[in-house]
């Protein structure tokens, strides 16, 4: 049996950040990271790795990000945890004892129980093997169907369409991107997608996949319609990997492993971080979804500090996020208006549309912003931005930070900002101030 001060199960961003944090703090601890993939792919970048313009190696995560930071890398499958003995057991027959254990086991693609889903012509979006298959299919085929109209589904669709494929998106909700984006912005996104030749089938469900001997596929929808394709991509969500935790007797829910504010599980010496964890909303304090790599990073930093005895509290997730759709970028943080209302918040919203540069400058275009406030407290609880170019992520960051600092409508009315003819709106205009002003007029 081998013993380590810290054992991390999982090779995603949460596990790597814990390794880096302990190394940076010069903790002097023996750290081992056990993962079941020899090579991890950068999952967020998979859509952009489908064209063969760059070697596939550019889209993988180097194992040196573990080994160069003082940790031992073990490629093996953990099959059992014994909390009472503080031991883990691997498929390779090894036993490792620990002082601190971190479950960073991540998630796996949700594969709905649709007849025919097991065919090799259907692939999820998760692993290096998935990316390799997508490269192969996109290079030799002409028609693809994407199941799911969230961030990843839309990004996959845009890339494949730019490669010249015919692409159909099937989404069971009334609009694409509804889980992250305000409805006021989705119309522009859907218009852009259809103008670029993508077919959107919203409010539709897939009921069967029928593969033909010739190698093609029929995606059969509710109502009996069928969409023909050469291959299909599943992008309908993820399932937390909690099996080890369940078998070890840790408290879990359908959303993941339950932790306290210090990211400790129901066993004192076992922490958890990342997609495998039941996440808590910063705004509501209630369990929520949020399978973003950044959330894993934030949780992992807290775990590392608490392993070092710092008693660091994780305040909950804000779900800052961003994506691009052709020449548009959109970002969001906190709750949408609908989410806030479903959480029992009496909402007050403000909308603004300003030019992103001085009006006489070349390439000027609008920035559209929607802010969501708690009418009773005035606190900002969410916000979204849609704009041309690549600036939406930075706007989502500002909204996220304002939520984290518990900014109010009054704070945003009086916030101070920069201006420049080529880089920002004219001095009298600011997207957040104008949105706050609009909200104030509705009080």
Protein backbone atom coordinates (compact mmCIF):
# COMPACT_ATOMS: atom_id res chain seq x y z
CA UNK A 1 0.00 0.00 0.00
CA UNK A 2 1.16 3.51 -0.84
CA UNK A 3 0.28 6.64 1.12
CA UNK A 4 -0.04 10.25 -0.03
CA UNK A 5 -0.98 13.40 1.86
CA UNK A 6 -3.45 14.34 -0.87
CA UNK A 7 -5.08 12.13 -3.48
CA UNK A 8 -7.15 13.73 -6.24
CA UNK A 9 -9.44 11.59 -8.37
CA UNK A 10 -9.99 13.25 -11.73
CA UNK A 11 -7.85 14.99 -14.34
CA UNK A 12 -10.04 17.92 -15.29
CA UNK A 13 -9.61 21.61 -14.38
CA UNK A 14 -10.58 21.10 -10.72
CA UNK A 15 -7.90 18.49 -10.13
CA UNK A 16 -5.22 20.44 -11.95
CA UNK A 17 -5.99 23.69 -10.11
CA UNK A 18 -5.69 21.95 -6.74
CA UNK A 19 -2.30 20.61 -7.80
CA UNK A 20 -1.18 24.09 -8.88
CA UNK A 21 -2.51 25.77 -5.74
CA UNK A 22 -0.78 23.37 -3.37
CA UNK A 23 2.44 23.72 -5.35
CA UNK A 24 2.26 27.52 -5.35
CA UNK A 25 1.69 27.56 -1.58
CA UNK A 26 4.76 25.34 -1.15
CA UNK A 27 2.72 23.04 1.03
CA UNK A 28 5.35 20.33 1.06
CA UNK A 29 2.69 17.67 0.72
CA UNK A 30 2.87 14.48 -1.30
CA UNK A 31 0.16 14.79 -3.95
CA UNK A 32 -1.09 12.15 -6.37
CA UNK A 33 -3.65 12.72 -9.13
CA UNK A 34 -5.41 9.61 -10.44
CA UNK A 35 -7.26 9.85 -13.73
CA UNK A 36 -8.73 7.28 -16.10
CA UNK A 37 -7.81 9.00 -19.37
CA UNK A 38 -4.27 8.87 -20.68
CA UNK A 39 -4.83 12.16 -22.49
CA UNK A 40 -7.52 14.72 -21.69
CA UNK A 41 -8.94 16.97 -24.37
CA UNK A 42 -9.75 20.63 -23.74
CA UNK A 43 -13.48 20.03 -23.73
CA UNK A 44 -14.60 23.61 -24.26
CA UNK A 45 -12.44 23.76 -27.38
CA UNK A 46 -13.74 20.59 -29.04
CA UNK A 47 -16.03 22.43 -31.51
CA UNK A 48 -13.10 24.51 -32.71
CA UNK A 49 -10.88 21.45 -33.11
CA UNK A 50 -13.07 19.79 -35.73
CA UNK A 51 -11.44 21.51 -38.74
CA UNK A 52 -8.01 20.04 -39.42
CA UNK A 53 -6.37 23.46 -39.74
CA UNK A 54 -4.44 22.73 -36.52
CA UNK A 55 -2.98 19.44 -35.28
CA UNK A 56 -5.28 17.63 -32.88
CA UNK A 57 -2.51 17.82 -30.28
CA UNK A 58 -3.26 21.54 -29.94
CA UNK A 59 -6.59 20.62 -28.34
CA UNK A 60 -5.33 18.29 -25.62
CA UNK A 61 -4.28 19.08 -22.07
CA UNK A 62 -0.64 18.27 -21.37
CA UNK A 63 0.04 15.91 -18.48
CA UNK A 64 2.90 18.24 -17.62
CA UNK A 65 0.30 20.51 -16.07
CA UNK A 66 0.22 17.88 -13.33
CA UNK A 67 3.75 16.50 -13.26
CA UNK A 68 5.54 19.84 -13.58
CA UNK A 69 3.77 21.06 -10.44
CA UNK A 70 5.05 18.52 -7.98
CA UNK A 71 2.29 15.92 -8.24
CA UNK A 72 2.48 12.26 -9.15
CA UNK A 73 0.28 11.32 -12.10
CA UNK A 74 -1.36 7.89 -12.00
CA UNK A 75 -3.37 6.73 -15.00
CA UNK A 76 -5.76 4.17 -13.55
CA UNK A 77 -9.41 3.76 -12.60
CA UNK A 78 -10.44 4.15 -8.98
CA UNK A 79 -13.03 1.46 -8.30
CA UNK A 80 -13.66 1.91 -4.58
CA UNK A 81 -13.22 4.35 -1.73
CA UNK A 82 -13.10 3.22 1.89
CA UNK A 83 -13.59 6.37 4.02
CA UNK A 84 -13.20 4.58 7.36
CA UNK A 85 -9.72 3.42 6.35
CA UNK A 86 -8.91 6.50 4.24
CA UNK A 87 -8.00 4.29 1.31
CA UNK A 88 -8.79 4.11 -2.40
CA UNK A 89 -8.51 1.04 -4.59
CA UNK A 90 -7.80 1.01 -8.31
CA UNK A 91 -8.64 -1.24 -11.20
CA UNK A 92 -4.91 -1.88 -11.57
CA UNK A 93 -4.84 -3.53 -8.16
CA UNK A 94 -3.21 -0.70 -6.23
CA UNK A 95 -4.23 0.62 -2.82
CA UNK A 96 -3.53 4.22 -1.85
CA UNK A 97 -3.98 5.70 1.61
CA UNK A 98 -4.59 9.42 2.06
CA UNK A 99 -4.84 12.20 4.59
CA UNK A 100 -7.07 14.25 2.28
CA UNK A 101 -9.08 12.95 -0.67
CA UNK A 102 -10.60 15.12 -3.40
CA UNK A 103 -13.32 13.86 -5.71
CA UNK A 104 -13.02 15.75 -8.99
CA UNK A 105 -14.60 13.03 -11.08
CA UNK A 106 -16.44 15.42 -13.38
CA UNK A 107 -19.41 14.44 -15.50
CA UNK A 108 -20.25 12.45 -18.59
CA UNK A 109 -22.51 13.25 -21.54
CA UNK A 110 -26.18 12.55 -21.04
CA UNK A 111 -27.20 9.85 -23.50
CA UNK A 112 -30.99 9.70 -23.58
CA UNK A 113 -32.63 6.27 -23.94
CA UNK A 114 -33.68 6.83 -27.54
CA UNK A 115 -33.92 3.73 -29.74
CA UNK A 116 -30.88 3.50 -32.01
CA UNK A 117 -28.75 5.92 -29.98
CA UNK A 118 -25.98 3.33 -29.66
CA UNK A 119 -25.00 3.50 -33.36
CA UNK A 120 -21.47 4.67 -34.12
CA UNK A 121 -22.91 7.39 -36.35
CA UNK A 122 -23.89 9.28 -33.18
CA UNK A 123 -21.24 10.86 -31.00
CA UNK A 124 -21.27 12.97 -27.85
CA UNK A 125 -18.86 15.86 -27.25
CA UNK A 126 -16.44 15.01 -24.45
CA UNK A 127 -13.27 13.04 -25.15
CA UNK A 128 -10.30 13.00 -27.49
CA UNK A 129 -11.87 9.96 -29.15
CA UNK A 130 -15.04 12.01 -29.76
CA UNK A 131 -13.00 14.82 -31.31
CA UNK A 132 -11.11 12.39 -33.55
CA UNK A 133 -14.38 10.87 -34.75
CA UNK A 134 -15.90 14.30 -35.37
CA UNK A 135 -12.87 15.29 -37.45
CA UNK A 136 -13.23 12.14 -39.49
CA UNK A 137 -16.97 12.51 -40.05
CA UNK A 138 -16.86 16.23 -40.86
CA UNK A 139 -14.08 15.69 -43.41
CA UNK A 140 -15.92 13.03 -45.40
CA UNK A 141 -19.63 13.78 -44.91
CA UNK A 142 -22.02 16.54 -45.92
CA UNK A 143 -25.00 16.41 -43.55
CA UNK A 144 -25.09 16.57 -39.74
CA UNK A 145 -27.86 16.75 -37.16
CA UNK A 146 -27.13 18.22 -33.74
CA UNK A 147 -29.37 17.26 -30.85
CA UNK A 148 -29.44 20.15 -28.37
CA UNK A 149 -29.37 23.91 -28.82
CA UNK A 150 -27.24 25.00 -25.90
CA UNK A 151 -23.81 26.62 -26.06
CA UNK A 152 -21.93 23.53 -27.26
CA UNK A 153 -24.62 22.53 -29.75
CA UNK A 154 -24.69 25.98 -31.32
CA UNK A 155 -20.88 26.21 -31.43
CA UNK A 156 -20.70 22.80 -33.12
CA UNK A 157 -23.35 23.83 -35.62
CA UNK A 158 -21.58 27.06 -36.58
CA UNK A 159 -18.22 25.34 -37.07
CA UNK A 160 -19.67 22.52 -39.17
CA UNK A 161 -21.66 24.98 -41.28
CA UNK A 162 -18.51 27.04 -41.87
CA UNK A 163 -16.88 23.83 -43.08
CA UNK A 164 -19.62 23.54 -45.72
CA UNK A 165 -21.86 20.92 -44.14
CA UNK A 166 -25.65 21.00 -44.10
CA UNK A 167 -26.56 21.31 -40.43
CA UNK A 168 -29.85 20.84 -38.60
CA UNK A 169 -30.29 21.64 -34.90
CA UNK A 170 -33.06 19.84 -33.03
CA UNK A 171 -34.03 21.50 -29.74
CA UNK A 172 -36.88 20.36 -27.50
CA UNK A 173 -37.41 23.84 -25.98
CA UNK A 174 -39.21 26.66 -27.84
CA UNK A 175 -35.93 28.47 -28.55
CA UNK A 176 -32.22 27.69 -28.57
CA UNK A 177 -30.01 28.87 -25.68
CA UNK A 178 -32.93 29.30 -23.27
CA UNK A 179 -30.96 27.87 -20.35
CA UNK A 180 -28.47 30.74 -20.42
CA UNK A 181 -29.82 33.59 -22.53
CA UNK A 182 -32.59 36.14 -22.21
CA UNK A 183 -35.38 35.66 -24.79
CA UNK A 184 -34.93 39.26 -26.00
CA UNK A 185 -31.53 38.29 -27.39
CA UNK A 186 -32.34 34.86 -28.80
CA UNK A 187 -34.30 36.18 -31.78
CA UNK A 188 -31.20 37.86 -33.19
CA UNK A 189 -29.17 34.69 -32.64
CA UNK A 190 -31.73 32.45 -34.36
CA UNK A 191 -32.02 34.91 -37.24
CA UNK A 192 -28.24 34.85 -37.69
CA UNK A 193 -28.17 31.06 -37.66
CA UNK A 194 -30.90 30.70 -40.28
CA UNK A 195 -29.41 33.44 -42.47
CA UNK A 196 -26.23 31.38 -42.55
CA UNK A 197 -28.05 28.31 -43.76
CA UNK A 198 -28.62 26.35 -40.55
CA UNK A 199 -31.99 24.67 -40.07
CA UNK A 200 -33.55 25.11 -36.62
CA UNK A 201 -36.18 22.66 -35.44
CA UNK A 202 -37.32 23.91 -32.04
CA UNK A 203 -40.06 22.46 -29.84
CA UNK A 204 -39.21 19.06 -31.34
CA UNK A 205 -38.06 15.82 -29.76
CA UNK A 206 -36.03 12.98 -31.24
CA UNK A 207 -37.84 9.67 -30.77
CA UNK A 208 -35.60 7.33 -32.77
CA UNK A 209 -32.34 7.04 -34.69
CA UNK A 210 -32.53 4.73 -37.69
CA UNK A 211 -29.20 3.78 -39.24
CA UNK A 212 -29.15 2.43 -42.81
CA UNK A 213 -26.89 -0.21 -44.28
CA UNK A 214 -25.39 2.40 -46.57
CA UNK A 215 -24.04 4.29 -43.59
CA UNK A 216 -26.56 7.09 -43.37
CA UNK A 217 -28.93 7.96 -40.54
CA UNK A 218 -32.53 9.06 -40.18
CA UNK A 219 -33.28 11.18 -37.12
CA UNK A 220 -36.97 10.59 -36.47
CA UNK A 221 -38.88 13.32 -34.64
CA UNK A 222 -42.12 13.40 -32.71
CA UNK A 223 -44.92 13.60 -35.21
CA UNK A 224 -43.16 11.18 -37.56
CA UNK A 225 -40.96 13.62 -39.49
CA UNK A 226 -37.43 12.44 -40.27
CA UNK A 227 -34.22 14.37 -40.89
CA UNK A 228 -31.61 12.53 -42.93
CA UNK A 229 -27.96 12.88 -42.00
CA UNK A 230 -24.60 11.21 -42.34
CA UNK A 231 -23.97 11.54 -38.60
CA UNK A 232 -25.47 13.09 -35.48
CA UNK A 233 -24.05 14.84 -32.43
CA UNK A 234 -25.51 14.58 -28.94
CA UNK A 235 -25.28 17.77 -26.90
CA UNK A 236 -28.16 17.52 -24.43
CA UNK A 237 -26.39 17.96 -21.11
CA UNK A 238 -24.25 16.00 -18.70
CA UNK A 239 -24.63 13.62 -15.75
CA UNK A 240 -22.41 14.02 -12.66
CA UNK A 241 -20.06 11.12 -11.99
CA UNK A 242 -21.13 10.28 -8.43
CA UNK A 243 -20.97 6.49 -8.43
CA UNK A 244 -17.81 6.31 -6.30
CA UNK A 245 -19.31 8.73 -3.81
CA UNK A 246 -22.59 6.81 -3.60
CA UNK A 247 -20.82 3.50 -3.01
CA UNK A 248 -18.67 5.15 -0.33
CA UNK A 249 -21.79 6.31 1.51
CA UNK A 250 -21.34 10.03 0.85
CA UNK A 251 -24.41 12.26 0.64
CA UNK A 252 -25.48 12.97 -2.92
CA UNK A 253 -28.43 14.24 -4.95
CA UNK A 254 -29.37 14.03 -8.60
CA UNK A 255 -27.27 17.20 -9.08
CA UNK A 256 -24.10 15.73 -7.60
CA UNK A 257 -22.09 15.18 -4.46
CA UNK A 258 -23.32 17.34 -1.60
CA UNK A 259 -20.74 19.50 0.16
CA UNK A 260 -20.70 22.13 2.89
CA UNK A 261 -19.51 25.71 2.44
CA UNK A 262 -15.90 24.52 2.72
CA UNK A 263 -16.41 22.03 -0.14
CA UNK A 264 -16.22 19.12 2.31
CA UNK A 265 -18.42 16.11 1.67
CA UNK A 266 -20.29 14.30 4.42
CA UNK A 267 -16.93 12.68 5.27
CA UNK A 268 -14.60 15.16 6.97
CA UNK A 269 -11.45 14.27 5.05
CA UNK A 270 -13.05 14.04 1.62
CA UNK A 271 -13.62 17.15 -0.52
CA UNK A 272 -15.30 17.47 -3.90
CA UNK A 273 -15.09 20.03 -6.70
CA UNK A 274 -16.23 20.48 -10.28
CA UNK A 275 -19.01 18.95 -12.35
CA UNK A 276 -19.48 16.06 -9.91
CA UNK A 277 -20.65 18.46 -7.17
CA UNK A 278 -24.14 19.70 -6.37
CA UNK A 279 -23.62 23.42 -6.89
CA UNK A 280 -25.25 26.18 -4.85
CA UNK A 281 -26.37 29.48 -6.38
CA UNK A 282 -24.61 32.57 -5.04
CA UNK A 283 -27.85 34.52 -5.51
CA UNK A 284 -30.47 32.17 -4.07
CA UNK A 285 -28.47 29.80 -1.88
CA UNK A 286 -30.32 26.91 -3.49
CA UNK A 287 -28.99 23.95 -5.53
CA UNK A 288 -28.56 24.77 -9.21
CA UNK A 289 -26.92 23.62 -12.44
CA UNK A 290 -23.61 25.07 -13.58
CA UNK A 291 -21.28 22.70 -15.42
CA UNK A 292 -18.74 25.30 -16.49
CA UNK A 293 -14.98 24.83 -16.26
CA UNK A 294 -14.66 28.14 -14.45
CA UNK A 295 -16.96 26.93 -11.66
CA UNK A 296 -14.69 23.91 -11.22
CA UNK A 297 -11.70 26.25 -10.93
CA UNK A 298 -13.38 28.44 -8.31
CA UNK A 299 -14.35 25.46 -6.17
CA UNK A 300 -10.91 23.88 -6.53
CA UNK A 301 -9.18 26.98 -5.20
CA UNK A 302 -11.32 26.80 -2.08
CA UNK A 303 -10.60 23.09 -1.66
CA UNK A 304 -6.85 23.71 -1.84
CA UNK A 305 -7.03 26.45 0.78
CA UNK A 306 -9.01 24.25 3.13
CA UNK A 307 -6.60 21.33 2.71
CA UNK A 308 -4.02 23.83 3.95
CA UNK A 309 -6.21 24.64 6.96
CA UNK A 310 -7.35 28.11 5.85
CA UNK A 311 -11.12 27.64 6.51
CA UNK A 312 -12.02 29.25 3.18
CA UNK A 313 -15.73 29.51 2.35
CA UNK A 314 -17.10 29.00 -1.16
CA UNK A 315 -19.98 31.47 -1.61
CA UNK A 316 -21.76 29.70 -4.47
CA UNK A 317 -21.68 29.93 -8.25
CA UNK A 318 -22.69 32.89 -10.40
CA UNK A 319 -22.43 31.02 -13.72
CA UNK A 320 -20.67 33.69 -15.74
CA UNK A 321 -20.58 32.42 -19.31
CA UNK A 322 -20.09 33.50 -22.91
CA UNK A 323 -20.22 32.20 -26.45
CA UNK A 324 -20.07 33.45 -30.03
CA UNK A 325 -22.42 32.99 -32.98
CA UNK A 326 -20.78 34.17 -36.20
CA UNK A 327 -20.01 37.87 -35.65
CA UNK A 328 -22.14 38.13 -32.50
CA UNK A 329 -20.93 37.43 -28.99
CA UNK A 330 -23.20 36.97 -26.02
CA UNK A 331 -22.55 36.63 -22.32
CA UNK A 332 -24.49 36.25 -19.10
CA UNK A 333 -24.04 35.96 -15.35
CA UNK A 334 -26.36 35.23 -12.47
CA UNK A 335 -30.04 34.55 -13.08
CA UNK A 336 -32.15 35.26 -16.12
CA UNK A 337 -35.42 37.04 -15.43
CA UNK A 338 -37.32 33.74 -15.71
CA UNK A 339 -34.93 31.96 -13.34
CA UNK A 340 -35.21 34.76 -10.81
CA UNK A 341 -39.00 34.69 -10.92
CA UNK A 342 -39.03 30.90 -10.54
CA UNK A 343 -36.84 31.38 -7.44
CA UNK A 344 -39.48 33.65 -5.90
CA UNK A 345 -37.70 36.94 -6.56
CA UNK A 346 -39.85 39.97 -7.34
CA UNK A 347 -37.89 41.13 -10.38
CA UNK A 348 -37.19 44.55 -11.81
CA UNK A 349 -35.46 44.63 -15.20
CA UNK A 350 -33.66 47.28 -17.20
CA UNK A 351 -32.71 47.24 -20.88
CA UNK A 352 -30.28 49.37 -22.84
CA UNK A 353 -28.96 49.56 -26.37
CA UNK A 354 -26.01 51.85 -27.04
CA UNK A 355 -23.25 52.10 -29.64
CA UNK A 356 -20.00 50.37 -28.72
CA UNK A 357 -17.88 53.25 -30.14
CA UNK A 358 -18.28 56.91 -30.90
CA UNK A 359 -20.90 57.15 -33.68
CA UNK A 360 -18.48 58.57 -36.27
CA UNK A 361 -16.01 55.68 -35.93
CA UNK A 362 -15.62 52.80 -38.39
CA UNK A 363 -17.36 49.53 -37.53
CA UNK A 364 -19.68 50.96 -34.89
CA UNK A 365 -22.40 48.54 -33.72
CA UNK A 366 -24.86 48.21 -30.83
CA UNK A 367 -24.38 46.66 -27.40
CA UNK A 368 -27.62 45.33 -25.93
CA UNK A 369 -27.79 44.78 -22.19
CA UNK A 370 -30.47 43.44 -19.89
CA UNK A 371 -30.07 43.62 -16.11
CA UNK A 372 -32.24 41.83 -13.55
CA UNK A 373 -32.66 43.29 -10.05
CA UNK A 374 -34.44 42.20 -6.90
CA UNK A 375 -37.17 44.82 -6.67
CA UNK A 376 -37.27 44.67 -2.85
CA UNK A 377 -33.54 44.98 -2.13
CA UNK A 378 -32.34 46.67 -5.32
CA UNK A 379 -29.57 44.05 -5.66
CA UNK A 380 -28.39 42.95 -9.07
CA UNK A 381 -29.15 39.24 -9.50
CA UNK A 382 -28.42 38.71 -13.19
CA UNK A 383 -27.54 40.23 -16.52
CA UNK A 384 -26.98 39.45 -20.18
CA UNK A 385 -25.20 41.15 -23.07
CA UNK A 386 -25.38 40.74 -26.86
CA UNK A 387 -22.98 42.59 -29.12
CA UNK A 388 -21.02 42.39 -32.35
CA UNK A 389 -17.39 41.39 -31.97
CA UNK A 390 -15.68 39.60 -29.12
CA UNK A 391 -16.44 41.74 -26.07
CA UNK A 392 -19.34 39.90 -24.42
CA UNK A 393 -17.14 37.78 -22.14
CA UNK A 394 -15.65 40.90 -20.55
CA UNK A 395 -19.14 42.32 -20.06
CA UNK A 396 -20.28 39.06 -18.46
CA UNK A 397 -17.25 39.30 -16.14
CA UNK A 398 -18.30 42.80 -15.05
CA UNK A 399 -21.86 41.66 -14.36
CA UNK A 400 -20.58 38.63 -12.45
CA UNK A 401 -18.30 40.77 -10.28
CA UNK A 402 -21.09 43.24 -9.61
CA UNK A 403 -23.31 40.38 -8.45
CA UNK A 404 -20.49 39.00 -6.30
CA UNK A 405 -20.00 42.40 -4.68
CA UNK A 406 -23.76 42.63 -4.08
CA UNK A 407 -24.05 45.76 -6.18
CA UNK A 408 -27.39 47.52 -6.25
CA UNK A 409 -29.27 49.49 -8.86
CA UNK A 410 -27.98 52.68 -7.22
CA UNK A 411 -24.38 51.41 -7.43
CA UNK A 412 -24.72 50.86 -11.17
CA UNK A 413 -26.33 54.23 -11.72
CA UNK A 414 -23.23 55.87 -10.27
CA UNK A 415 -20.48 53.51 -11.49
CA UNK A 416 -17.47 55.14 -13.12
CA UNK A 417 -16.15 53.95 -16.46
CA UNK A 418 -13.69 54.61 -19.31
CA UNK A 419 -14.35 56.08 -22.72
CA UNK A 420 -12.43 56.19 -26.01
CA UNK A 421 -13.56 56.81 -29.62
CA UNK A 422 -12.40 53.39 -30.87
CA UNK A 423 -12.76 51.33 -27.70
CA UNK A 424 -15.88 52.43 -25.83
CA UNK A 425 -19.12 54.36 -26.01
CA UNK A 426 -19.17 58.14 -25.89
CA UNK A 427 -18.73 59.71 -22.41
CA UNK A 428 -22.43 60.20 -21.74
CA UNK A 429 -23.33 56.59 -22.58
CA UNK A 430 -22.72 53.42 -20.64
CA UNK A 431 -24.58 50.18 -21.17
CA UNK A 432 -24.93 49.36 -17.45
CA UNK A 433 -25.86 52.89 -16.38
CA UNK A 434 -28.51 53.11 -19.10
CA UNK A 435 -29.96 49.69 -18.20
CA UNK A 436 -30.06 50.67 -14.52
CA UNK A 437 -31.73 53.96 -15.46
CA UNK A 438 -34.37 52.03 -17.43
CA UNK A 439 -35.00 49.80 -14.41
CA UNK A 440 -35.30 52.80 -12.13
CA UNK A 441 -37.98 54.29 -14.38
CA UNK A 442 -40.07 51.13 -13.87
CA UNK A 443 -39.98 51.18 -10.04
